[in-house]
Protein backbone atom coordinates (compact mmCIF):
# COMPACT_ATOMS: atom_id res chain seq x y z
CA MET A 1 86.25 88.33 87.21
CA GLU A 2 85.21 89.77 83.65
CA THR A 3 86.21 93.17 82.38
CA ILE A 4 83.29 95.90 81.15
CA ALA A 5 85.06 98.77 79.05
CA LEU A 6 83.24 102.49 78.61
CA VAL A 7 84.75 103.66 75.70
CA GLY A 8 83.86 106.70 73.36
CA LYS A 9 84.85 110.79 72.60
CA PRO A 10 85.41 113.31 75.44
CA ASN A 11 82.48 114.57 77.39
CA VAL A 12 79.81 111.80 76.13
CA GLY A 13 78.94 110.91 79.81
CA LYS A 14 81.47 107.81 80.65
CA SER A 15 82.44 109.11 83.49
CA SER A 16 78.80 109.63 85.20
CA LEU A 17 77.91 106.10 83.72
CA PHE A 18 80.98 104.70 85.65
CA ASN A 19 79.73 106.16 88.93
CA ARG A 20 76.23 105.54 88.47
CA ILE A 21 77.00 101.75 88.06
CA SER A 22 79.72 101.61 90.77
CA ARG A 23 77.03 103.44 92.71
CA GLN A 24 79.79 106.17 94.25
CA ARG A 25 80.94 109.48 93.00
CA ASP A 26 84.56 108.42 92.23
CA ALA A 27 85.05 109.61 88.76
CA ILE A 28 85.29 113.51 88.30
CA THR A 29 82.55 114.63 85.70
CA SER A 30 82.08 118.10 84.50
CA ASP A 31 81.38 119.57 81.29
CA VAL A 32 85.01 119.93 80.09
CA SER A 33 86.14 118.26 77.26
CA GLY A 34 88.76 115.42 78.63
CA THR A 35 88.33 115.51 82.34
CA THR A 36 89.20 111.81 82.22
CA ARG A 37 92.73 111.29 81.22
CA ASP A 38 93.63 107.79 82.66
CA VAL A 39 92.01 104.49 82.38
CA LYS A 40 90.35 103.92 85.57
CA LYS A 41 88.79 100.69 87.34
CA ALA A 42 86.45 99.53 90.08
CA GLU A 43 85.01 96.14 90.74
CA VAL A 44 81.32 96.52 90.80
CA PHE A 45 78.15 94.18 90.94
CA ILE A 46 76.08 93.67 88.22
CA ASN A 47 72.78 92.40 90.07
CA ASN A 48 74.37 89.71 91.65
CA LYS A 49 77.66 88.73 89.59
CA LYS A 50 81.41 90.69 90.17
CA ALA A 51 82.70 92.53 87.19
CA LEU A 52 85.44 95.03 86.78
CA LEU A 53 84.62 98.35 85.54
CA VAL A 54 86.56 100.06 83.39
CA ASP A 55 86.55 104.03 82.81
CA THR A 56 89.05 105.21 79.83
CA GLY A 57 90.02 108.46 78.70
CA GLY A 58 87.80 110.23 75.80
CA LEU A 59 88.94 109.15 72.28
CA ASP A 60 90.51 112.36 70.56
CA ASP A 61 93.79 112.75 69.04
CA ARG A 62 94.01 116.62 68.46
CA ASP A 63 97.44 116.67 70.08
CA GLU A 64 100.18 114.41 71.69
CA MET A 65 98.90 113.83 74.91
CA PHE A 66 95.24 113.20 73.94
CA LYS A 67 96.65 110.98 71.09
CA GLU A 68 98.38 109.15 74.12
CA VAL A 69 94.83 108.75 75.67
CA GLN A 70 93.33 107.43 72.77
CA LYS A 71 95.46 104.64 72.33
CA LYS A 72 95.44 103.56 76.40
CA SER A 73 91.72 103.77 75.80
CA LEU A 74 91.65 101.62 72.80
CA GLN A 75 94.15 99.10 74.28
CA ALA A 76 91.76 98.76 77.57
CA ALA A 77 88.83 98.22 75.10
CA SER A 78 91.00 95.35 73.44
CA GLU A 79 91.56 93.62 76.70
CA ALA A 80 87.90 93.80 77.94
CA ASP A 81 85.21 91.40 77.73
CA ILE A 82 82.16 93.70 77.34
CA ILE A 83 82.41 97.14 75.51
CA LEU A 84 79.63 100.11 75.71
CA TYR A 85 80.95 102.61 72.91
CA MET A 86 79.35 105.85 74.27
CA VAL A 87 77.80 108.71 72.15
CA ASP A 88 76.29 111.56 72.81
CA GLY A 89 72.60 111.84 71.56
CA LYS A 90 72.75 115.68 71.30
CA MET A 91 74.99 115.31 68.54
CA LEU A 92 74.44 113.62 64.71
CA PRO A 93 76.79 110.54 64.78
CA ASP A 94 79.89 111.25 62.66
CA ASP A 95 82.21 108.99 60.56
CA GLU A 96 84.96 108.95 63.35
CA ASP A 97 82.46 107.12 65.53
CA LYS A 98 81.23 104.38 63.06
CA ARG A 99 85.38 104.16 61.83
CA ILE A 100 86.23 103.43 65.74
CA PHE A 101 82.78 100.95 66.39
CA TYR A 102 83.58 99.05 63.13
CA GLU A 103 87.24 98.23 64.62
CA LEU A 104 85.82 97.56 67.67
CA GLN A 105 83.60 95.24 66.47
CA LYS A 106 86.09 93.29 64.64
CA LEU A 107 87.72 92.15 67.93
CA GLY A 108 84.74 89.76 68.46
CA LYS A 109 84.24 91.12 71.89
CA LYS A 110 80.26 91.70 72.93
CA ILE A 111 79.93 95.21 72.41
CA ALA A 112 77.25 97.84 72.59
CA LEU A 113 76.25 101.14 71.06
CA VAL A 114 75.18 103.42 74.00
CA VAL A 115 73.51 106.38 72.99
CA ASN A 116 73.59 108.87 75.98
CA LYS A 117 71.66 112.41 76.71
CA ILE A 118 68.17 110.75 75.55
CA ASP A 119 65.79 112.60 77.98
CA ASN A 120 62.30 111.71 76.88
CA ASP A 121 60.59 109.07 74.02
CA LYS A 122 60.48 112.08 71.59
CA HIS A 123 63.91 112.98 71.35
CA GLU A 124 64.70 108.88 70.56
CA GLU A 125 62.13 108.56 68.20
CA GLU A 126 64.00 111.76 66.45
CA ILE A 127 67.33 110.56 66.67
CA GLY A 128 67.16 106.80 66.99
CA TRP A 129 67.72 106.43 62.99
CA GLU A 130 70.28 108.57 62.71
CA TYR A 131 72.45 105.95 64.75
CA SER A 132 71.04 102.98 63.39
CA SER A 133 72.88 103.48 60.48
CA PHE A 134 75.61 101.76 63.08
CA GLY A 135 74.27 98.76 62.72
CA ALA A 136 75.07 97.61 65.98
CA LYS A 137 73.04 94.71 67.21
CA ASN A 138 72.86 95.87 70.94
CA LEU A 139 71.81 99.50 70.55
CA PHE A 140 70.37 101.66 73.87
CA PHE A 141 69.25 104.98 74.44
CA ILE A 142 69.61 106.38 77.88
CA SER A 143 70.13 109.06 79.95
CA VAL A 144 72.57 108.64 82.53
CA SER A 145 71.61 112.02 84.52
CA HIS A 146 68.05 110.97 84.51
CA ASN A 147 68.02 107.61 84.88
CA ARG A 148 66.50 106.40 82.04
CA ASN A 149 66.75 102.90 80.60
CA THR A 150 70.41 102.50 82.31
CA ARG A 151 68.46 99.57 84.00
CA LYS A 152 67.73 97.90 80.51
CA LEU A 153 71.59 98.25 79.46
CA ILE A 154 72.72 96.59 83.09
CA ASN A 155 70.38 93.47 82.36
CA TRP A 156 71.92 93.32 78.92
CA ILE A 157 75.45 93.41 80.76
CA ASP A 158 74.29 91.15 83.35
CA ALA A 159 73.00 88.50 80.56
CA ASN A 160 76.39 88.67 78.96
CA LEU A 161 78.39 87.98 81.78
CA GLU A 162 79.56 84.58 83.04
CA GLU A 163 78.65 83.25 86.22
CA GLU A 164 81.21 82.97 88.97
CA GLU A 165 81.66 79.95 90.85
CA VAL A 166 80.08 80.59 94.39
CA LEU A 167 82.07 78.54 97.08
CA ASP A 168 79.81 77.26 99.33
CA LEU A 169 80.02 75.43 102.90
CA HIS A 170 78.56 71.96 103.19
CA GLU A 171 76.46 71.66 106.35
CA ASP A 172 78.78 69.69 108.01
CA GLU A 173 81.15 72.45 107.21
CA GLU A 174 79.13 75.20 108.88
CA LEU A 175 81.01 77.60 111.42
CA SER A 176 79.44 78.88 114.14
CA PHE A 177 78.90 82.65 114.52
CA GLU A 178 82.06 83.10 117.07
CA GLU A 179 84.20 80.94 114.63
CA PHE A 180 82.68 83.08 111.67
CA LEU A 181 83.87 86.23 113.73
CA SER A 182 87.53 84.99 114.88
CA ILE A 183 88.08 84.09 110.79
CA ASP A 184 87.26 87.59 110.14
CA GLU A 185 89.15 89.05 112.39
CA LYS A 186 91.96 87.35 111.47
CA LEU A 187 91.75 87.93 107.77
CA GLU A 188 91.47 91.84 108.56
CA GLU A 189 94.70 91.92 110.41
CA GLU A 190 96.22 89.79 107.63
CA GLU A 191 95.17 92.53 105.39
CA SER A 192 96.25 94.95 107.58
CA ASN A 193 99.58 93.65 107.78
CA ASN A 194 100.12 92.95 103.78
CA GLN A 195 98.23 95.81 102.21
CA ILE A 196 100.05 99.12 102.08
CA LYS A 197 98.30 102.18 100.57
CA ILE A 198 100.36 104.57 98.83
CA GLY A 199 99.83 108.41 97.74
CA ILE A 200 102.16 109.78 95.40
CA ILE A 201 101.75 113.72 96.16
CA GLY A 202 103.84 116.82 94.63
CA ARG A 203 103.63 119.22 92.15
CA VAL A 204 102.60 119.33 88.60
CA ASN A 205 105.04 117.90 86.24
CA VAL A 206 107.57 116.65 89.04
CA GLY A 207 107.52 113.18 87.38
CA LYS A 208 104.79 111.58 89.73
CA SER A 209 102.70 109.23 86.92
CA SER A 210 106.08 108.35 85.46
CA LEU A 211 107.05 107.02 88.78
CA LEU A 212 103.99 104.97 88.91
CA ASN A 213 104.79 103.79 85.87
CA ALA A 214 108.04 102.82 86.48
CA LEU A 215 107.14 100.97 90.01
CA LEU A 216 104.30 98.97 88.34
CA GLY A 217 106.73 98.06 85.58
CA GLU A 218 104.10 99.10 82.96
CA ASP A 219 102.66 102.28 80.95
CA ARG A 220 99.63 102.58 83.36
CA SER A 221 99.38 106.70 83.69
CA VAL A 222 99.21 108.88 80.38
CA VAL A 223 102.65 110.80 80.70
CA SER A 224 102.70 113.88 79.03
CA SER A 225 104.89 116.81 78.73
CA ILE A 226 101.84 119.36 79.50
CA ALA A 227 102.05 120.14 83.03
CA GLY A 228 98.44 118.59 84.77
CA THR A 229 97.99 115.84 82.95
CA THR A 230 96.54 113.54 85.59
CA ILE A 231 93.07 114.80 86.78
CA ASP A 232 91.70 111.77 88.52
CA PRO A 233 93.86 110.10 91.21
CA ILE A 234 94.51 106.42 89.89
CA ASP A 235 94.87 103.78 91.80
CA GLU A 236 96.54 100.83 90.81
CA ALA A 237 97.94 97.80 92.91
CA ILE A 238 100.56 95.08 92.22
CA VAL A 239 101.66 91.91 94.29
CA ARG A 240 104.89 91.52 95.76
CA ASP A 241 106.23 88.64 97.97
CA ASP A 242 102.79 88.21 98.96
CA LYS A 243 102.46 92.14 99.79
CA ILE A 244 99.77 94.12 98.18
CA TYR A 245 100.76 97.61 97.19
CA THR A 246 98.17 100.07 96.26
CA PHE A 247 99.56 103.38 94.60
CA VAL A 248 97.42 106.56 94.09
CA ASP A 249 99.34 108.83 91.71
CA THR A 250 97.20 112.10 92.81
CA ALA A 251 96.91 115.10 90.75
CA GLY A 252 99.62 117.94 90.35
CA ILE A 253 98.93 120.58 92.85
CA ARG A 254 99.53 124.25 91.39
CA LYS A 255 99.60 127.40 93.46
CA ARG A 256 96.13 128.36 94.97
CA GLY A 257 95.58 131.28 92.27
CA LYS A 258 96.25 128.66 89.44
CA ILE A 259 93.60 126.05 91.16
CA GLU A 260 90.27 126.63 88.66
CA GLY A 261 87.62 124.40 87.62
CA ILE A 262 87.78 120.68 87.25
CA GLU A 263 91.46 121.09 89.31
CA LYS A 264 89.77 122.00 92.51
CA PHE A 265 87.65 118.68 92.30
CA ALA A 266 91.34 117.17 92.01
CA LEU A 267 92.67 118.97 94.85
CA ASN A 268 89.79 117.80 96.74
CA ARG A 269 90.03 114.55 95.36
CA THR A 270 93.51 114.10 96.01
CA GLN A 271 92.73 114.76 99.91
CA LYS A 272 90.36 112.56 100.39
CA GLN A 273 92.59 109.82 98.77
CA LEU A 274 95.39 110.56 101.30
CA GLU A 275 92.46 109.81 104.32
CA ASN A 276 92.75 106.46 103.32
CA ALA A 277 96.46 106.50 102.67
CA ASP A 278 99.28 104.62 104.95
CA ILE A 279 102.67 106.15 103.02
CA ALA A 280 103.10 109.00 101.14
CA LEU A 281 105.52 109.24 98.31
CA LEU A 282 106.30 113.18 98.41
CA VAL A 283 108.18 113.69 94.92
CA LEU A 284 110.18 116.50 94.25
CA ASP A 285 112.26 117.42 91.01
CA ALA A 286 115.80 117.14 91.74
CA SER A 287 116.94 119.01 88.42
CA GLU A 288 115.51 122.62 89.54
CA GLU A 289 115.19 124.54 93.25
CA PHE A 290 112.81 123.61 95.44
CA LYS A 291 109.45 126.08 95.42
CA GLU A 292 107.69 127.09 98.37
CA LEU A 293 104.62 124.91 97.03
CA ASP A 294 106.70 122.23 97.76
CA GLU A 295 106.72 123.11 101.41
CA ARG A 296 102.70 123.17 101.22
CA ILE A 297 102.26 119.83 99.61
CA ALA A 298 104.45 118.58 102.57
CA ASN A 299 102.43 119.77 104.69
CA LEU A 300 99.77 117.19 103.42
CA VAL A 301 102.00 114.42 105.22
CA GLU A 302 101.57 116.53 108.65
CA LYS A 303 97.83 116.91 108.00
CA PHE A 304 97.04 113.21 107.47
CA GLU A 305 100.17 111.76 109.80
CA LEU A 306 101.25 109.55 106.90
CA GLY A 307 104.40 107.96 106.85
CA VAL A 308 106.29 109.25 104.40
CA VAL A 309 109.42 109.03 101.95
CA ILE A 310 111.06 111.85 100.06
CA VAL A 311 111.78 111.46 96.36
CA LEU A 312 113.91 113.30 94.51
CA ASN A 313 113.19 112.42 91.14
CA LYS A 314 115.11 113.62 87.80
CA TRP A 315 118.24 112.60 89.29
CA ASP A 316 120.07 112.23 86.20
CA LYS A 317 119.56 115.55 85.80
CA ALA A 318 120.34 116.70 89.41
CA LEU A 319 121.03 120.03 90.11
CA TYR A 320 123.26 119.73 93.05
CA SER A 321 125.36 116.55 94.48
CA TYR A 322 124.05 114.26 97.03
CA GLU A 323 125.17 115.68 99.92
CA GLU A 324 124.51 119.24 99.16
CA SER A 325 120.42 117.97 97.84
CA VAL A 326 120.17 116.36 101.28
CA ARG A 327 121.01 119.68 102.93
CA ARG A 328 119.00 121.46 100.88
CA VAL A 329 116.09 119.05 101.90
CA ARG A 330 116.80 118.87 105.45
CA ASP A 331 116.88 122.82 105.98
CA ARG A 332 113.70 122.91 103.39
CA PHE A 333 111.42 120.06 104.95
CA LYS A 334 112.62 120.78 109.13
CA PHE A 335 109.10 119.14 110.16
CA LEU A 336 110.23 115.81 107.98
CA SER A 337 113.00 115.23 109.39
CA PHE A 338 112.50 111.62 110.32
CA ALA A 339 111.93 110.71 106.50
CA PRO A 340 114.13 109.03 104.46
CA ILE A 341 115.72 110.27 101.13
CA ILE A 342 116.07 108.48 98.08
CA THR A 343 117.34 109.56 94.48
CA ILE A 344 116.02 108.05 91.66
CA SER A 345 115.18 108.84 87.77
CA ALA A 346 111.71 107.40 86.71
CA LEU A 347 112.23 108.16 83.12
CA THR A 348 115.49 105.56 83.03
CA LYS A 349 113.96 103.57 85.99
CA LYS A 350 117.36 103.88 88.26
CA ARG A 351 116.79 102.93 91.72
CA VAL A 352 113.06 102.68 91.18
CA HIS A 353 113.26 99.17 92.44
CA LYS A 354 114.73 100.10 95.95
CA LEU A 355 111.51 101.99 96.52
CA TYR A 356 109.80 98.90 97.67
CA GLU A 357 112.40 98.46 100.22
CA VAL A 358 112.41 101.69 101.88
CA ILE A 359 108.17 101.32 101.68
CA ASP A 360 108.75 98.19 103.56
CA ARG A 361 110.78 99.90 106.20
CA VAL A 362 108.53 102.55 106.57
CA TYR A 363 105.35 100.56 106.81
CA ALA A 364 107.07 98.69 109.27
CA ASN A 365 107.97 101.70 111.40
CA TYR A 366 104.51 103.24 110.85
CA THR A 367 102.84 100.06 112.60
CA ARG A 368 105.48 99.40 115.09
CA ARG A 369 104.38 98.87 118.39
CA ILE A 370 106.61 99.43 122.18
CA PRO A 371 105.51 96.99 125.02
CA THR A 372 104.22 99.32 127.63
CA SER A 373 106.82 98.18 130.15
CA LYS A 374 109.96 99.32 127.70
CA LEU A 375 108.43 102.27 126.78
CA ASN A 376 107.80 103.48 130.67
CA GLU A 377 111.33 102.66 131.33
CA LEU A 378 112.13 105.00 128.34
CA ILE A 379 110.42 107.68 129.73
CA ARG A 380 111.44 107.49 133.53
CA PHE A 381 115.10 107.14 131.97
CA ALA A 382 114.30 110.37 129.99
CA ASN A 383 113.25 112.20 132.71
CA GLN A 384 115.91 111.45 134.99
CA LYS A 385 118.20 112.93 132.58
CA HIS A 386 116.00 115.99 132.05
CA HIS A 387 113.17 116.78 134.43
CA LEU A 388 110.14 117.92 133.51
CA PRO A 389 109.66 121.73 133.92
CA SER A 390 107.51 123.21 136.62
CA ASP A 391 104.12 125.21 135.89
CA MET A 392 104.70 128.31 137.68
CA GLY A 393 106.42 126.25 140.82
CA LYS A 394 103.72 123.44 140.77
CA LEU A 395 104.94 119.92 140.14
CA VAL A 396 104.11 118.44 136.39
CA LYS A 397 104.54 114.70 136.85
CA ILE A 398 104.04 111.97 134.13
CA TYR A 399 102.52 108.67 135.77
CA PHE A 400 103.28 106.33 132.96
CA ALA A 401 102.72 105.96 129.15
CA THR A 402 101.17 103.71 127.28
CA GLN A 403 100.76 103.15 122.83
CA PHE A 404 97.28 102.87 122.21
CA ASP A 405 97.34 102.92 118.38
CA ILE A 406 99.43 102.23 115.03
CA LYS A 407 99.57 104.05 111.46
CA PRO A 408 101.04 106.36 113.27
CA PRO A 409 101.90 105.20 116.71
CA ARG A 410 100.52 107.23 118.99
CA PHE A 411 101.12 107.20 122.97
CA ALA A 412 99.29 108.59 125.67
CA LEU A 413 100.98 109.91 128.94
CA ILE A 414 99.19 110.02 131.65
CA MET A 415 99.85 113.18 133.80
CA ASN A 416 98.51 115.56 136.51
CA ARG A 417 98.80 118.58 134.29
CA PRO A 418 98.90 117.66 130.72
CA LYS A 419 98.20 121.02 129.64
CA ALA A 420 101.76 121.88 131.07
CA LEU A 421 103.64 119.76 128.87
CA HIS A 422 105.58 122.18 126.79
CA PHE A 423 105.95 121.42 123.28
CA SER A 424 109.80 121.63 123.89
CA TYR A 425 109.65 118.69 126.15
CA LYS A 426 107.16 116.94 124.23
CA ARG A 427 109.81 116.82 120.97
CA TYR A 428 112.82 115.54 123.85
CA LEU A 429 110.83 112.93 124.61
CA MET A 430 109.74 112.19 121.10
CA ASN A 431 113.38 112.07 120.15
CA GLN A 432 114.38 109.72 122.95
CA ILE A 433 111.63 107.37 121.25
CA ARG A 434 113.21 107.67 117.81
CA SER A 435 116.94 107.14 119.69
CA GLN A 436 116.20 103.80 120.98
CA TYR A 437 113.37 102.48 118.40
CA ASP A 438 113.67 102.65 114.41
CA PHE A 439 110.69 105.14 113.69
CA GLU A 440 112.51 106.55 110.27
CA GLY A 441 109.32 107.92 108.16
CA SER A 442 106.92 107.76 110.62
CA PRO A 443 105.31 110.32 112.36
CA LEU A 444 104.80 109.92 116.22
CA ILE A 445 102.35 111.07 118.15
CA LEU A 446 102.05 112.06 121.66
CA GLU A 447 99.10 113.11 123.52
CA PRO A 448 99.31 114.25 127.35
CA LYS A 449 96.39 113.12 128.97
CA LYS A 450 94.66 113.59 132.50
CA LYS A 451 94.92 111.00 135.19
CA LYS A 452 90.98 110.41 136.35
CA ALA A 453 92.16 110.73 139.66
CA ASP A 454 93.58 114.09 139.27
CA GLU A 455 90.56 115.84 137.96
CA ASP A 456 89.59 117.55 141.10
CA PHE A 457 92.86 118.41 142.57
CA ASP A 458 96.19 119.79 141.95
CA GLU A 459 99.35 117.80 143.04
CA LYS A 460 101.75 120.43 145.13
């Protein structure tokens, strides 16, 4: 699959074109210069050809962070098959744009100069000769916001993409509809078992991007001492032992009063990404005291019913001993008492490799099923040890229990008076289940439900 890189200075419209071609509002767009700070990728179809579209950070060397962004953007361009160098058509070309464009031409790639924000023919006539000075063989004047001439650009990309081989079934190998469905179901099941989606969450500057880089074994996300470097959630997949781990390095979350402008979009995007995640790596800074904001972020785990691993990062600068740190975590995050804790240093990569083992274990628990017979045996035993409290003198009974879902494991308790099940008894039942089965790292959901035959009467 060939790669198309969108390259250019900040705020020229790369993310808008990325969204247009990928047909999704995925990259954050705004009028703030430097919104995209990481390389973002999406598989797209250019007409009928599959390609990988890469949206790079803006080329700008004004400070340490942006120099790092520029370095990664140019690296992405050097690895691409097709380069779209974008400029702002509302501004005159400058020498820096020309210099970078000439450098990219020397790579010998298929390259086009894309002049964006050209809203009409008159504007194109006025500015066209200015950009002809680039000497670009392939020159396009477009407006992404008005969808002007974008089709011409896409057709050019299509013409420069190689045809991919398509595997066809011969007539004697045609499958029946039922066989096709069975294969599809099998593939979905395999995909479910082999693909783990992990969200990396935490306050700004706790080391989430450094952790992602360490997990991937490469400098994937821009790392900077400037708090809030990551704006877009970054998806990156890695294959290990036939499993696909897809990591999302979410934007760092600040106190609500400090969330302004594009960071509001980043917070919303973070929460949207977590809706599709399986496991959260809750990253805490071991070199300082935990904050109230850490607890609020941890609540996202509960909100989205995720498996969870608590990651104490910066352990090389830990404030407390291991025993004391664990005690403080357990005391502060009581609602995550089921979560494993691992100490690491993303900077030195110490124990980072151990995270894969913990993720595997938590995911196995997150997808664990208990046979109905075993579950009911356990519930009966628990009920004999501690009887259900009555409801104002009326008997409360659990008829039977069954697990009806995973990710996370969900159990239905079929009862005569489901509303009378006290939260403390529900917690007792969950503790009993955990004592018999390994659900470390996974939430458990117990849902009391009414037996249909009991809808019209109460058992005395």
